[in-house]
Amino acid sequence: REIVARLGHPVLTTSITYQDEDYARNPELIAEAFEGRVD
């Protein structure tokens, strides 16, 4: 919410996709899965 408030308008959002629950929960594994795909 604070990111949106600082931006001053909405953020488009869509949930990540994952194949293993660890890659949904663990931020380090999420970063590993999306390396090179997001900024």
Full PDB file with SEQRES, HELIX, SHEET, SSBOND, CRYST1, ORIGX, SCALE, CONECT and MASTER records, all heavy atoms in Angstrom:
SEQRES   1 A   39  ARG GLU ILE VAL ALA ARG LEU GLY HIS PRO VAL LEU THR          
SEQRES   2 A   39  THR SER ILE THR TYR GLN ASP GLU ASP TYR ALA ARG ASN          
SEQRES   3 A   39  PRO GLU LEU ILE ALA GLU ALA PHE GLU GLY ARG VAL ASP          
HELIX    1 AA1 GLU A    2  LEU A    7  1                                   6    
HELIX    2 AA2 ASP A   22  ARG A   25  1                                   4    
HELIX    3 AA3 PRO A   27  PHE A   34  1                                   8    
CRYST1    1.000    1.000    1.000  90.00  90.00  90.00 P 1           1          
ORIGX1      1.000000  0.000000  0.000000        0.00000                         
ORIGX2      0.000000  1.000000  0.000000        0.00000                         
ORIGX3      0.000000  0.000000  1.000000        0.00000                         
SCALE1      1.000000  0.000000  0.000000        0.00000                         
SCALE2      0.000000  1.000000  0.000000        0.00000                         
SCALE3      0.000000  0.000000  1.000000        0.00000                         
ATOM      1  N   ARG A   1       0.826  -1.214   0.000  1.00  0.00           N  
ATOM      2  CA  ARG A   1       0.000   0.000   0.000  1.00  0.00           C  
ATOM      3  C   ARG A   1       0.859   1.263   0.000  1.00  0.00           C  
ATOM      4  O   ARG A   1       0.527   2.254  -0.667  1.00  0.00           O  
ATOM      5  CB  ARG A   1      -0.949   0.011   1.198  1.00  0.00           C  
ATOM      6  CG  ARG A   1      -1.975  -1.110   1.186  1.00  0.00           C  
ATOM      7  CD  ARG A   1      -3.132  -0.826   2.156  1.00  0.00           C  
ATOM      8  NE  ARG A   1      -2.681  -0.387   3.471  1.00  0.00           N  
ATOM      9  CZ  ARG A   1      -2.323  -1.201   4.460  1.00  0.00           C  
ATOM     10  NH1 ARG A   1      -2.332  -2.512   4.273  1.00  0.00           N  
ATOM     11  NH2 ARG A   1      -1.949  -0.715   5.626  1.00  0.00           N  
ATOM     12  N   GLU A   2       1.969   1.237   0.745  1.00  0.00           N  
ATOM     13  CA  GLU A   2       2.825   2.426   0.802  1.00  0.00           C  
ATOM     14  C   GLU A   2       3.533   2.674  -0.526  1.00  0.00           C  
ATOM     15  O   GLU A   2       3.776   3.817  -0.902  1.00  0.00           O  
ATOM     16  CB  GLU A   2       3.834   2.288   1.940  1.00  0.00           C  
ATOM     17  CG  GLU A   2       3.213   2.455   3.320  1.00  0.00           C  
ATOM     18  CD  GLU A   2       4.267   2.459   4.416  1.00  0.00           C  
ATOM     19  OE1 GLU A   2       5.257   3.201   4.275  1.00  0.00           O  
ATOM     20  OE2 GLU A   2       4.100   1.706   5.387  1.00  0.00           O  
ATOM     21  N   ILE A   3       3.879   1.603  -1.254  1.00  0.00           N  
ATOM     22  CA  ILE A   3       4.470   1.770  -2.583  1.00  0.00           C  
ATOM     23  C   ILE A   3       3.487   2.507  -3.488  1.00  0.00           C  
ATOM     24  O   ILE A   3       3.845   3.461  -4.187  1.00  0.00           O  
ATOM     25  CB  ILE A   3       4.846   0.403  -3.191  1.00  0.00           C  
ATOM     26  CG1 ILE A   3       6.060  -0.184  -2.477  1.00  0.00           C  
ATOM     27  CG2 ILE A   3       5.127   0.534  -4.692  1.00  0.00           C  
ATOM     28  CD1 ILE A   3       6.358  -1.632  -2.850  1.00  0.00           C  
ATOM     29  N   VAL A   4       2.225   2.071  -3.454  1.00  0.00           N  
ATOM     30  CA  VAL A   4       1.196   2.704  -4.281  1.00  0.00           C  
ATOM     31  C   VAL A   4       0.997   4.169  -3.867  1.00  0.00           C  
ATOM     32  O   VAL A   4       0.901   5.058  -4.712  1.00  0.00           O  
ATOM     33  CB  VAL A   4      -0.128   1.924  -4.174  1.00  0.00           C  
ATOM     34  CG1 VAL A   4      -1.252   2.676  -4.870  1.00  0.00           C  
ATOM     35  CG2 VAL A   4       0.032   0.539  -4.777  1.00  0.00           C  
ATOM     36  N   ALA A   5       0.942   4.400  -2.565  1.00  0.00           N  
ATOM     37  CA  ALA A   5       0.748   5.772  -2.088  1.00  0.00           C  
ATOM     38  C   ALA A   5       1.895   6.673  -2.517  1.00  0.00           C  
ATOM     39  O   ALA A   5       1.684   7.820  -2.934  1.00  0.00           O  
ATOM     40  CB  ALA A   5       0.611   5.774  -0.556  1.00  0.00           C  
ATOM     41  N   ARG A   6       3.123   6.161  -2.449  1.00  0.00           N  
ATOM     42  CA  ARG A   6       4.283   6.972  -2.849  1.00  0.00           C  
ATOM     43  C   ARG A   6       4.288   7.198  -4.363  1.00  0.00           C  
ATOM     44  O   ARG A   6       4.634   8.290  -4.821  1.00  0.00           O  
ATOM     45  CB  ARG A   6       5.578   6.279  -2.407  1.00  0.00           C  
ATOM     46  CG  ARG A   6       6.845   7.100  -2.624  1.00  0.00           C  
ATOM     47  CD  ARG A   6       6.806   8.412  -1.828  1.00  0.00           C  
ATOM     48  NE  ARG A   6       6.548   8.218  -0.421  1.00  0.00           N  
ATOM     49  CZ  ARG A   6       7.493   8.189   0.516  1.00  0.00           C  
ATOM     50  NH1 ARG A   6       8.763   8.346   0.170  1.00  0.00           N  
ATOM     51  NH2 ARG A   6       7.174   8.022   1.789  1.00  0.00           N  
ATOM     52  N   LEU A   7       3.868   6.185  -5.127  1.00  0.00           N  
ATOM     53  CA  LEU A   7       3.782   6.329  -6.578  1.00  0.00           C  
ATOM     54  C   LEU A   7       2.706   7.341  -6.958  1.00  0.00           C  
ATOM     55  O   LEU A   7       2.859   8.077  -7.934  1.00  0.00           O  
ATOM     56  CB  LEU A   7       3.481   4.964  -7.206  1.00  0.00           C  
ATOM     57  CG  LEU A   7       3.485   4.866  -8.731  1.00  0.00           C  
ATOM     58  CD1 LEU A   7       4.866   5.186  -9.304  1.00  0.00           C  
ATOM     59  CD2 LEU A   7       3.030   3.465  -9.167  1.00  0.00           C  
ATOM     60  N   GLY A   8       1.633   7.371  -6.178  1.00  0.00           N  
ATOM     61  CA  GLY A   8       0.571   8.345  -6.414  1.00  0.00           C  
ATOM     62  C   GLY A   8      -0.580   7.836  -7.269  1.00  0.00           C  
ATOM     63  O   GLY A   8      -1.559   8.554  -7.495  1.00  0.00           O  
ATOM     64  N   HIS A   9      -0.483   6.616  -7.732  1.00  0.00           N  
ATOM     65  CA  HIS A   9      -1.555   5.989  -8.508  1.00  0.00           C  
ATOM     66  C   HIS A   9      -1.364   4.475  -8.451  1.00  0.00           C  
ATOM     67  O   HIS A   9      -0.344   4.000  -7.953  1.00  0.00           O  
ATOM     68  CB  HIS A   9      -1.581   6.513  -9.951  1.00  0.00           C  
ATOM     69  CG  HIS A   9      -0.259   6.497 -10.622  1.00  0.00           C  
ATOM     70  ND1 HIS A   9       0.515   7.630 -10.784  1.00  0.00           N  
ATOM     71  CD2 HIS A   9       0.458   5.485 -11.172  1.00  0.00           C  
ATOM     72  CE1 HIS A   9       1.628   7.311 -11.406  1.00  0.00           C  
ATOM     73  NE2 HIS A   9       1.621   6.023 -11.650  1.00  0.00           N  
ATOM     74  N   PRO A  10      -2.324   3.701  -8.966  1.00  0.00           N  
ATOM     75  CA  PRO A  10      -2.284   2.251  -8.743  1.00  0.00           C  
ATOM     76  C   PRO A  10      -1.103   1.536  -9.392  1.00  0.00           C  
ATOM     77  O   PRO A  10      -0.470   2.026 -10.326  1.00  0.00           O  
ATOM     78  CB  PRO A  10      -3.604   1.764  -9.370  1.00  0.00           C  
ATOM     79  CG  PRO A  10      -4.493   2.951  -9.346  1.00  0.00           C  
ATOM     80  CD  PRO A  10      -3.593   4.122  -9.590  1.00  0.00           C  
ATOM     81  N   VAL A  11      -0.869   0.347  -8.851  1.00  0.00           N  
ATOM     82  CA  VAL A  11       0.095  -0.605  -9.403  1.00  0.00           C  
ATOM     83  C   VAL A  11      -0.695  -1.764 -10.005  1.00  0.00           C  
ATOM     84  O   VAL A  11      -1.589  -2.315  -9.342  1.00  0.00           O  
ATOM     85  CB  VAL A  11       1.039  -1.129  -8.296  1.00  0.00           C  
ATOM     86  CG1 VAL A  11       1.774  -2.395  -8.738  1.00  0.00           C  
ATOM     87  CG2 VAL A  11       2.049  -0.056  -7.900  1.00  0.00           C  
ATOM     88  N   LEU A  12      -0.404  -2.101 -11.255  1.00  0.00           N  
ATOM     89  CA  LEU A  12      -0.990  -3.303 -11.841  1.00  0.00           C  
ATOM     90  C   LEU A  12      -0.425  -4.510 -11.108  1.00  0.00           C  
ATOM     91  O   LEU A  12       0.768  -4.546 -10.794  1.00  0.00           O  
ATOM     92  CB  LEU A  12      -0.639  -3.409 -13.323  1.00  0.00           C  
ATOM     93  CG  LEU A  12      -1.195  -4.676 -13.991  1.00  0.00           C  
ATOM     94  CD1 LEU A  12      -2.519  -4.379 -14.674  1.00  0.00           C  
ATOM     95  CD2 LEU A  12      -0.210  -5.259 -14.986  1.00  0.00           C  
ATOM     96  N   THR A  13      -1.260  -5.505 -10.824  1.00  0.00           N  
ATOM     97  CA  THR A  13      -0.789  -6.654 -10.059  1.00  0.00           C  
ATOM     98  C   THR A  13      -1.309  -7.961 -10.620  1.00  0.00           C  
ATOM     99  O   THR A  13      -2.446  -8.042 -11.090  1.00  0.00           O  
ATOM    100  CB  THR A  13      -1.219  -6.532  -8.575  1.00  0.00           C  
ATOM    101  OG1 THR A  13      -0.732  -7.647  -7.837  1.00  0.00           O  
ATOM    102  CG2 THR A  13      -2.737  -6.478  -8.431  1.00  0.00           C  
ATOM    103  N   THR A  14      -0.468  -8.979 -10.602  1.00  0.00           N  
ATOM    104  CA  THR A  14      -0.849 -10.344 -10.944  1.00  0.00           C  
ATOM    105  C   THR A  14       0.043 -11.285 -10.138  1.00  0.00           C  
ATOM    106  O   THR A  14       1.239 -11.030  -9.973  1.00  0.00           O  
ATOM    107  CB  THR A  14      -0.713 -10.621 -12.462  1.00  0.00           C  
ATOM    108  OG1 THR A  14      -1.054 -11.994 -12.730  1.00  0.00           O  
ATOM    109  CG2 THR A  14       0.699 -10.375 -12.962  1.00  0.00           C  
ATOM    110  N   SER A  15      -0.539 -12.342  -9.605  1.00  0.00           N  
ATOM    111  CA  SER A  15       0.214 -13.249  -8.742  1.00  0.00           C  
ATOM    112  C   SER A  15       1.306 -13.981  -9.522  1.00  0.00           C  
ATOM    113  O   SER A  15       1.161 -14.245 -10.712  1.00  0.00           O  
ATOM    114  CB  SER A  15      -0.725 -14.289  -8.111  1.00  0.00           C  
ATOM    115  OG  SER A  15      -1.645 -13.663  -7.253  1.00  0.00           O  
ATOM    116  N   ILE A  16       2.392 -14.314  -8.817  1.00  0.00           N  
ATOM    117  CA  ILE A  16       3.439 -15.118  -9.441  1.00  0.00           C  
ATOM    118  C   ILE A  16       2.901 -16.522  -9.709  1.00  0.00           C  
ATOM    119  O   ILE A  16       1.968 -16.984  -9.057  1.00  0.00           O  
ATOM    120  CB  ILE A  16       4.697 -15.215  -8.553  1.00  0.00           C  
ATOM    121  CG1 ILE A  16       4.363 -15.895  -7.203  1.00  0.00           C  
ATOM    122  CG2 ILE A  16       5.333 -13.842  -8.350  1.00  0.00           C  
ATOM    123  CD1 ILE A  16       5.576 -16.268  -6.388  1.00  0.00           C  
ATOM    124  N   THR A  17       3.492 -17.189 -10.685  1.00  0.00           N  
ATOM    125  CA  THR A  17       3.216 -18.609 -10.907  1.00  0.00           C  
ATOM    126  C   THR A  17       4.379 -19.410 -10.326  1.00  0.00           C  
ATOM    127  O   THR A  17       5.517 -18.929 -10.290  1.00  0.00           O  
ATOM    128  CB  THR A  17       3.061 -18.916 -12.403  1.00  0.00           C  
ATOM    129  OG1 THR A  17       4.188 -18.390 -13.111  1.00  0.00           O  
ATOM    130  CG2 THR A  17       1.793 -18.278 -12.951  1.00  0.00           C  
ATOM    131  N   TYR A  18       4.101 -20.620  -9.884  1.00  0.00           N  
ATOM    132  CA  TYR A  18       5.149 -21.425  -9.258  1.00  0.00           C  
ATOM    133  C   TYR A  18       4.804 -22.901  -9.423  1.00  0.00           C  
ATOM    134  O   TYR A  18       3.639 -23.281  -9.609  1.00  0.00           O  
ATOM    135  CB  TYR A  18       5.282 -21.077  -7.776  1.00  0.00           C  
ATOM    136  CG  TYR A  18       4.034 -21.353  -6.965  1.00  0.00           C  
ATOM    137  CD1 TYR A  18       3.880 -22.558  -6.287  1.00  0.00           C  
ATOM    138  CD2 TYR A  18       2.994 -20.413  -6.900  1.00  0.00           C  
ATOM    139  CE1 TYR A  18       2.731 -22.820  -5.559  1.00  0.00           C  
ATOM    140  CE2 TYR A  18       1.846 -20.682  -6.177  1.00  0.00           C  
ATOM    141  CZ  TYR A  18       1.719 -21.877  -5.505  1.00  0.00           C  
ATOM    142  OH  TYR A  18       0.581 -22.141  -4.797  1.00  0.00           O  
ATOM    143  N   GLN A  19       5.822 -23.750  -9.349  1.00  0.00           N  
ATOM    144  CA  GLN A  19       5.618 -25.189  -9.468  1.00  0.00           C  
ATOM    145  C   GLN A  19       5.785 -25.910  -8.137  1.00  0.00           C  
ATOM    146  O   GLN A  19       5.297 -27.016  -7.957  1.00  0.00           O  
ATOM    147  CB  GLN A  19       6.601 -25.767 -10.497  1.00  0.00           C  
ATOM    148  CG  GLN A  19       6.335 -25.282 -11.913  1.00  0.00           C  
ATOM    149  CD  GLN A  19       7.285 -25.906 -12.917  1.00  0.00           C  
ATOM    150  OE1 GLN A  19       8.419 -26.245 -12.591  1.00  0.00           O  
ATOM    151  NE2 GLN A  19       6.820 -26.053 -14.147  1.00  0.00           N  
ATOM    152  N   ASP A  20       6.458 -25.279  -7.222  1.00  0.00           N  
ATOM    153  CA  ASP A  20       6.724 -25.883  -5.923  1.00  0.00           C  
ATOM    154  C   ASP A  20       6.389 -24.847  -4.853  1.00  0.00           C  
ATOM    155  O   ASP A  20       6.708 -23.666  -5.007  1.00  0.00           O  
ATOM    156  CB  ASP A  20       8.201 -26.287  -5.841  1.00  0.00           C  
ATOM    157  CG  ASP A  20       8.549 -26.992  -4.538  1.00  0.00           C  
ATOM    158  OD1 ASP A  20       8.549 -26.307  -3.493  1.00  0.00           O  
ATOM    159  OD2 ASP A  20       8.830 -28.193  -4.568  1.00  0.00           O  
ATOM    160  N   GLU A  21       5.750 -25.282  -3.762  1.00  0.00           N  
ATOM    161  CA  GLU A  21       5.318 -24.329  -2.735  1.00  0.00           C  
ATOM    162  C   GLU A  21       6.469 -23.513  -2.161  1.00  0.00           C  
ATOM    163  O   GLU A  21       6.284 -22.362  -1.766  1.00  0.00           O  
ATOM    164  CB  GLU A  21       4.559 -25.050  -1.620  1.00  0.00           C  
ATOM    165  CG  GLU A  21       3.167 -25.479  -2.022  1.00  0.00           C  
ATOM    166  CD  GLU A  21       2.330 -25.893  -0.826  1.00  0.00           C  
ATOM    167  OE1 GLU A  21       2.838 -25.829   0.321  1.00  0.00           O  
ATOM    168  OE2 GLU A  21       1.158 -26.260  -1.041  1.00  0.00           O  
ATOM    169  N   ASP A  22       7.653 -24.109  -2.091  1.00  0.00           N  
ATOM    170  CA  ASP A  22       8.802 -23.358  -1.587  1.00  0.00           C  
ATOM    171  C   ASP A  22       9.078 -22.139  -2.457  1.00  0.00           C  
ATOM    172  O   ASP A  22       9.551 -21.109  -1.970  1.00  0.00           O  
ATOM    173  CB  ASP A  22      10.050 -24.251  -1.543  1.00  0.00           C  
ATOM    174  CG  ASP A  22      10.000 -25.266  -0.411  1.00  0.00           C  
ATOM    175  OD1 ASP A  22       9.182 -25.070   0.517  1.00  0.00           O  
ATOM    176  OD2 ASP A  22      10.764 -26.239  -0.458  1.00  0.00           O  
ATOM    177  N   TYR A  23       8.793 -22.265  -3.756  1.00  0.00           N  
ATOM    178  CA  TYR A  23       9.026 -21.157  -4.688  1.00  0.00           C  
ATOM    179  C   TYR A  23       7.871 -20.141  -4.667  1.00  0.00           C  
ATOM    180  O   TYR A  23       7.900 -19.159  -5.397  1.00  0.00           O  
ATOM    181  CB  TYR A  23       9.254 -21.687  -6.108  1.00  0.00           C  
ATOM    182  CG  TYR A  23      10.649 -22.215  -6.313  1.00  0.00           C  
ATOM    183  CD1 TYR A  23      10.986 -23.512  -5.952  1.00  0.00           C  
ATOM    184  CD2 TYR A  23      11.654 -21.399  -6.841  1.00  0.00           C  
ATOM    185  CE1 TYR A  23      12.275 -24.002  -6.113  1.00  0.00           C  
ATOM    186  CE2 TYR A  23      12.948 -21.873  -7.006  1.00  0.00           C  
ATOM    187  CZ  TYR A  23      13.250 -23.177  -6.645  1.00  0.00           C  
ATOM    188  OH  TYR A  23      14.535 -23.646  -6.805  1.00  0.00           O  
ATOM    189  N   ALA A  24       6.875 -20.389  -3.848  1.00  0.00           N  
ATOM    190  CA  ALA A  24       5.829 -19.400  -3.603  1.00  0.00           C  
ATOM    191  C   ALA A  24       6.089 -18.666  -2.291  1.00  0.00           C  
ATOM    192  O   ALA A  24       5.788 -17.486  -2.159  1.00  0.00           O  
ATOM    193  CB  ALA A  24       4.461 -20.074  -3.548  1.00  0.00           C  
ATOM    194  N   ARG A  25       6.680 -19.379  -1.334  1.00  0.00           N  
ATOM    195  CA  ARG A  25       6.858 -18.821   0.005  1.00  0.00           C  
ATOM    196  C   ARG A  25       8.199 -18.116   0.217  1.00  0.00           C  
ATOM    197  O   ARG A  25       8.251 -17.030   0.801  1.00  0.00           O  
ATOM    198  CB  ARG A  25       6.741 -19.940   1.053  1.00  0.00           C  
ATOM    199  CG  ARG A  25       5.379 -20.595   1.119  1.00  0.00           C  
ATOM    200  CD  ARG A  25       5.376 -21.674   2.202  1.00  0.00           C  
ATOM    201  NE  ARG A  25       4.107 -22.368   2.312  1.00  0.00           N  
ATOM    202  CZ  ARG A  25       3.057 -21.916   2.982  1.00  0.00           C  
ATOM    203  NH1 ARG A  25       3.134 -20.748   3.602  1.00  0.00           N  
ATOM    204  NH2 ARG A  25       1.941 -22.624   3.049  1.00  0.00           N  
ATOM    205  N   ASN A  26       9.272 -18.730  -0.254  1.00  0.00           N  
ATOM    206  CA  ASN A  26      10.619 -18.262   0.065  1.00  0.00           C  
ATOM    207  C   ASN A  26      11.066 -17.155  -0.886  1.00  0.00           C  
ATOM    208  O   ASN A  26      11.249 -17.393  -2.082  1.00  0.00           O  
ATOM    209  CB  ASN A  26      11.594 -19.436  -0.019  1.00  0.00           C  
ATOM    210  CG  ASN A  26      12.978 -19.085   0.482  1.00  0.00           C  
ATOM    211  OD1 ASN A  26      13.559 -18.086   0.060  1.00  0.00           O  
ATOM    212  ND2 ASN A  26      13.521 -19.900   1.361  1.00  0.00           N  
ATOM    213  N   PRO A  27      11.268 -15.923  -0.381  1.00  0.00           N  
ATOM    214  CA  PRO A  27      11.633 -14.811  -1.256  1.00  0.00           C  
ATOM    215  C   PRO A  27      12.912 -15.052  -2.059  1.00  0.00           C  
ATOM    216  O   PRO A  27      12.999 -14.641  -3.229  1.00  0.00           O  
ATOM    217  CB  PRO A  27      11.807 -13.637  -0.285  1.00  0.00           C  
ATOM    218  CG  PRO A  27      10.982 -13.996   0.899  1.00  0.00           C  
ATOM    219  CD  PRO A  27      11.078 -15.481   1.016  1.00  0.00           C  
ATOM    220  N   GLU A  28      13.898 -15.732  -1.443  1.00  0.00           N  
ATOM    221  CA  GLU A  28      15.145 -15.988  -2.168  1.00  0.00           C  
ATOM    222  C   GLU A  28      14.924 -16.936  -3.342  1.00  0.00           C  
ATOM    223  O   GLU A  28      15.502 -16.754  -4.421  1.00  0.00           O  
ATOM    224  CB  GLU A  28      16.199 -16.548  -1.208  1.00  0.00           C  
ATOM    225  CG  GLU A  28      16.675 -15.535  -0.174  1.00  0.00           C  
ATOM    226  CD  GLU A  28      17.765 -16.103   0.719  1.00  0.00           C  
ATOM    227  OE1 GLU A  28      18.209 -17.248   0.482  1.00  0.00           O  
ATOM    228  OE2 GLU A  28      18.168 -15.396   1.665  1.00  0.00           O  
ATOM    229  N   LEU A  29      14.071 -17.935  -3.163  1.00  0.00           N  
ATOM    230  CA  LEU A  29      13.771 -18.867  -4.244  1.00  0.00           C  
ATOM    231  C   LEU A  29      12.911 -18.194  -5.319  1.00  0.00           C  
ATOM    232  O   LEU A  29      13.067 -18.468  -6.511  1.00  0.00           O  
ATOM    233  CB  LEU A  29      13.057 -20.110  -3.699  1.00  0.00           C  
ATOM    234  CG  LEU A  29      13.892 -21.020  -2.800  1.00  0.00           C  
ATOM    235  CD1 LEU A  29      13.048 -22.181  -2.285  1.00  0.00           C  
ATOM    236  CD2 LEU A  29      15.125 -21.534  -3.536  1.00  0.00           C  
ATOM    237  N   ILE A  30      12.025 -17.312  -4.897  1.00  0.00           N  
ATOM    238  CA  ILE A  30      11.217 -16.556  -5.866  1.00  0.00           C  
ATOM    239  C   ILE A  30      12.131 -15.692  -6.731  1.00  0.00           C  
ATOM    240  O   ILE A  30      11.999 -15.648  -7.956  1.00  0.00           O  
ATOM    241  CB  ILE A  30      10.173 -15.680  -5.144  1.00  0.00           C  
ATOM    242  CG1 ILE A  30       9.160 -16.553  -4.399  1.00  0.00           C  
ATOM    243  CG2 ILE A  30       9.452 -14.763  -6.146  1.00  0.00           C  
ATOM    244  CD1 ILE A  30       8.249 -15.787  -3.459  1.00  0.00           C  
ATOM    245  N   ALA A  31      13.096 -15.029  -6.081  1.00  0.00           N  
ATOM    246  CA  ALA A  31      14.051 -14.202  -6.830  1.00  0.00           C  
ATOM    247  C   ALA A  31      14.844 -15.048  -7.815  1.00  0.00           C  
ATOM    248  O   ALA A  31      15.076 -14.645  -8.964  1.00  0.00           O  
ATOM    249  CB  ALA A  31      14.993 -13.485  -5.857  1.00  0.00           C  
ATOM    250  N   GLU A  32      15.233 -16.239  -7.368  1.00  0.00           N  
ATOM    251  CA  GLU A  32      15.979 -17.152  -8.244  1.00  0.00           C  
ATOM    252  C   GLU A  32      15.140 -17.529  -9.467  1.00  0.00           C  
ATOM    253  O   GLU A  32      15.629 -17.542 -10.599  1.00  0.00           O  
ATOM    254  CB  GLU A  32      16.340 -18.404  -7.448  1.00  0.00           C  
ATOM    255  CG  GLU A  32      17.008 -19.503  -8.248  1.00  0.00           C  
ATOM    256  CD  GLU A  32      17.133 -20.785  -7.443  1.00  0.00           C  
ATOM    257  OE1 GLU A  32      17.723 -20.737  -6.341  1.00  0.00           O  
ATOM    258  OE2 GLU A  32      16.616 -21.828  -7.901  1.00  0.00           O  
ATOM    259  N   ALA A  33      13.859 -17.819  -9.248  1.00  0.00           N  
ATOM    260  CA  ALA A  33      12.983 -18.261 -10.338  1.00  0.00           C  
ATOM    261  C   ALA A  33      12.727 -17.156 -11.353  1.00  0.00           C  
ATOM    262  O   ALA A  33      12.532 -17.429 -12.545  1.00  0.00           O  
ATOM    263  CB  ALA A  33      11.659 -18.772  -9.761  1.00  0.00           C  
ATOM    264  N   PHE A  34      12.739 -15.908 -10.903  1.00  0.00           N  
ATOM    265  CA  PHE A  34      12.393 -14.800 -11.801  1.00  0.00           C  
ATOM    266  C   PHE A  34      13.612 -13.973 -12.225  1.00  0.00           C  
ATOM    267  O   PHE A  34      13.460 -12.918 -12.833  1.00  0.00           O  
ATOM    268  CB  PHE A  34      11.335 -13.900 -11.146  1.00  0.00           C  
ATOM    269  CG  PHE A  34       9.957 -14.496 -11.187  1.00  0.00           C  
ATOM    270  CD1 PHE A  34       9.517 -15.323 -10.156  1.00  0.00           C  
ATOM    271  CD2 PHE A  34       9.112 -14.262 -12.259  1.00  0.00           C  
ATOM    272  CE1 PHE A  34       8.253 -15.896 -10.195  1.00  0.00           C  
ATOM    273  CE2 PHE A  34       7.836 -14.814 -12.308  1.00  0.00           C  
ATOM    274  CZ  PHE A  34       7.412 -15.635 -11.274  1.00  0.00           C  
ATOM    275  N   GLU A  35      14.800 -14.452 -11.902  1.00  0.00           N  
ATOM    276  CA  GLU A  35      16.030 -13.766 -12.317  1.00  0.00           C  
ATOM    277  C   GLU A  35      16.027 -13.598 -13.840  1.00  0.00           C  
ATOM    278  O   GLU A  35      15.791 -14.534 -14.595  1.00  0.00           O  
ATOM    279  CB  GLU A  35      17.251 -14.575 -11.897  1.00  0.00           C  
ATOM    280  CG  GLU A  35      18.573 -13.954 -12.293  1.00  0.00           C  
ATOM    281  CD  GLU A  35      18.856 -12.665 -11.570  1.00  0.00           C  
ATOM    282  OE1 GLU A  35      18.624 -12.604 -10.337  1.00  0.00           O  
ATOM    283  OE2 GLU A  35      19.292 -11.709 -12.240  1.00  0.00           O  
ATOM    284  N   GLY A  36      16.260 -12.360 -14.281  1.00  0.00           N  
ATOM    285  CA  GLY A  36      16.308 -12.080 -15.711  1.00  0.00           C  
ATOM    286  C   GLY A  36      14.948 -11.865 -16.349  1.00  0.00           C  
ATOM    287  O   GLY A  36      14.865 -11.524 -17.533  1.00  0.00           O  
ATOM    288  N   ARG A  37      13.884 -12.055 -15.582  1.00  0.00           N  
ATOM    289  CA  ARG A  37      12.532 -11.898 -16.135  1.00  0.00           C  
ATOM    290  C   ARG A  37      11.832 -10.653 -15.609  1.00  0.00           C  
ATOM    291  O   ARG A  37      10.912 -10.135 -16.242  1.00  0.00           O  
ATOM    292  CB  ARG A  37      11.701 -13.140 -15.827  1.00  0.00           C  
ATOM    293  CG  ARG A  37      12.310 -14.411 -16.429  1.00  0.00           C  
ATOM    294  CD  ARG A  37      11.767 -15.668 -15.778  1.00  0.00           C  
ATOM    295  NE  ARG A  37      10.360 -15.871 -16.061  1.00  0.00           N  
ATOM    296  CZ  ARG A  37       9.577 -16.716 -15.381  1.00  0.00           C  
ATOM    297  NH1 ARG A  37      10.089 -17.409 -14.371  1.00  0.00           N  
ATOM    298  NH2 ARG A  37       8.323 -16.870 -15.705  1.00  0.00           N  
ATOM    299  N   VAL A  38      12.242 -10.217 -14.418  1.00  0.00           N  
ATOM    300  CA  VAL A  38      11.756  -8.948 -13.883  1.00  0.00           C  
ATOM    301  C   VAL A  38      12.969  -8.088 -13.549  1.00  0.00           C  
ATOM    302  O   VAL A  38      14.100  -8.558 -13.547  1.00  0.00           O  
ATOM    303  CB  VAL A  38      10.867  -9.146 -12.629  1.00  0.00           C  
ATOM    304  CG1 VAL A  38       9.682 -10.037 -12.940  1.00  0.00           C  
ATOM    305  CG2 VAL A  38      11.669  -9.711 -11.472  1.00  0.00           C  
ATOM    306  N   ASP A  39      12.714  -6.807 -13.258  1.00  0.00           N  
ATOM    307  CA  ASP A  39      13.833  -5.874 -13.071  1.00  0.00           C  
ATOM    308  C   ASP A  39      14.330  -5.789 -11.631  1.00  0.00           C  
ATOM    309  O   ASP A  39      15.521  -5.593 -11.388  1.00  0.00           O  
ATOM    310  CB  ASP A  39      13.417  -4.480 -13.558  1.00  0.00           C  
ATOM    311  CG  ASP A  39      13.039  -4.501 -15.026  1.00  0.00           C  
ATOM    312  OD1 ASP A  39      13.851  -4.970 -15.839  1.00  0.00           O  
ATOM    313  OD2 ASP A  39      11.922  -4.062 -15.366  1.00  0.00           O  
TER     314      ASP A  39                                                      
MASTER        0    0    0    3    0    0    0    6  313    1    0    3          
END                                                                             
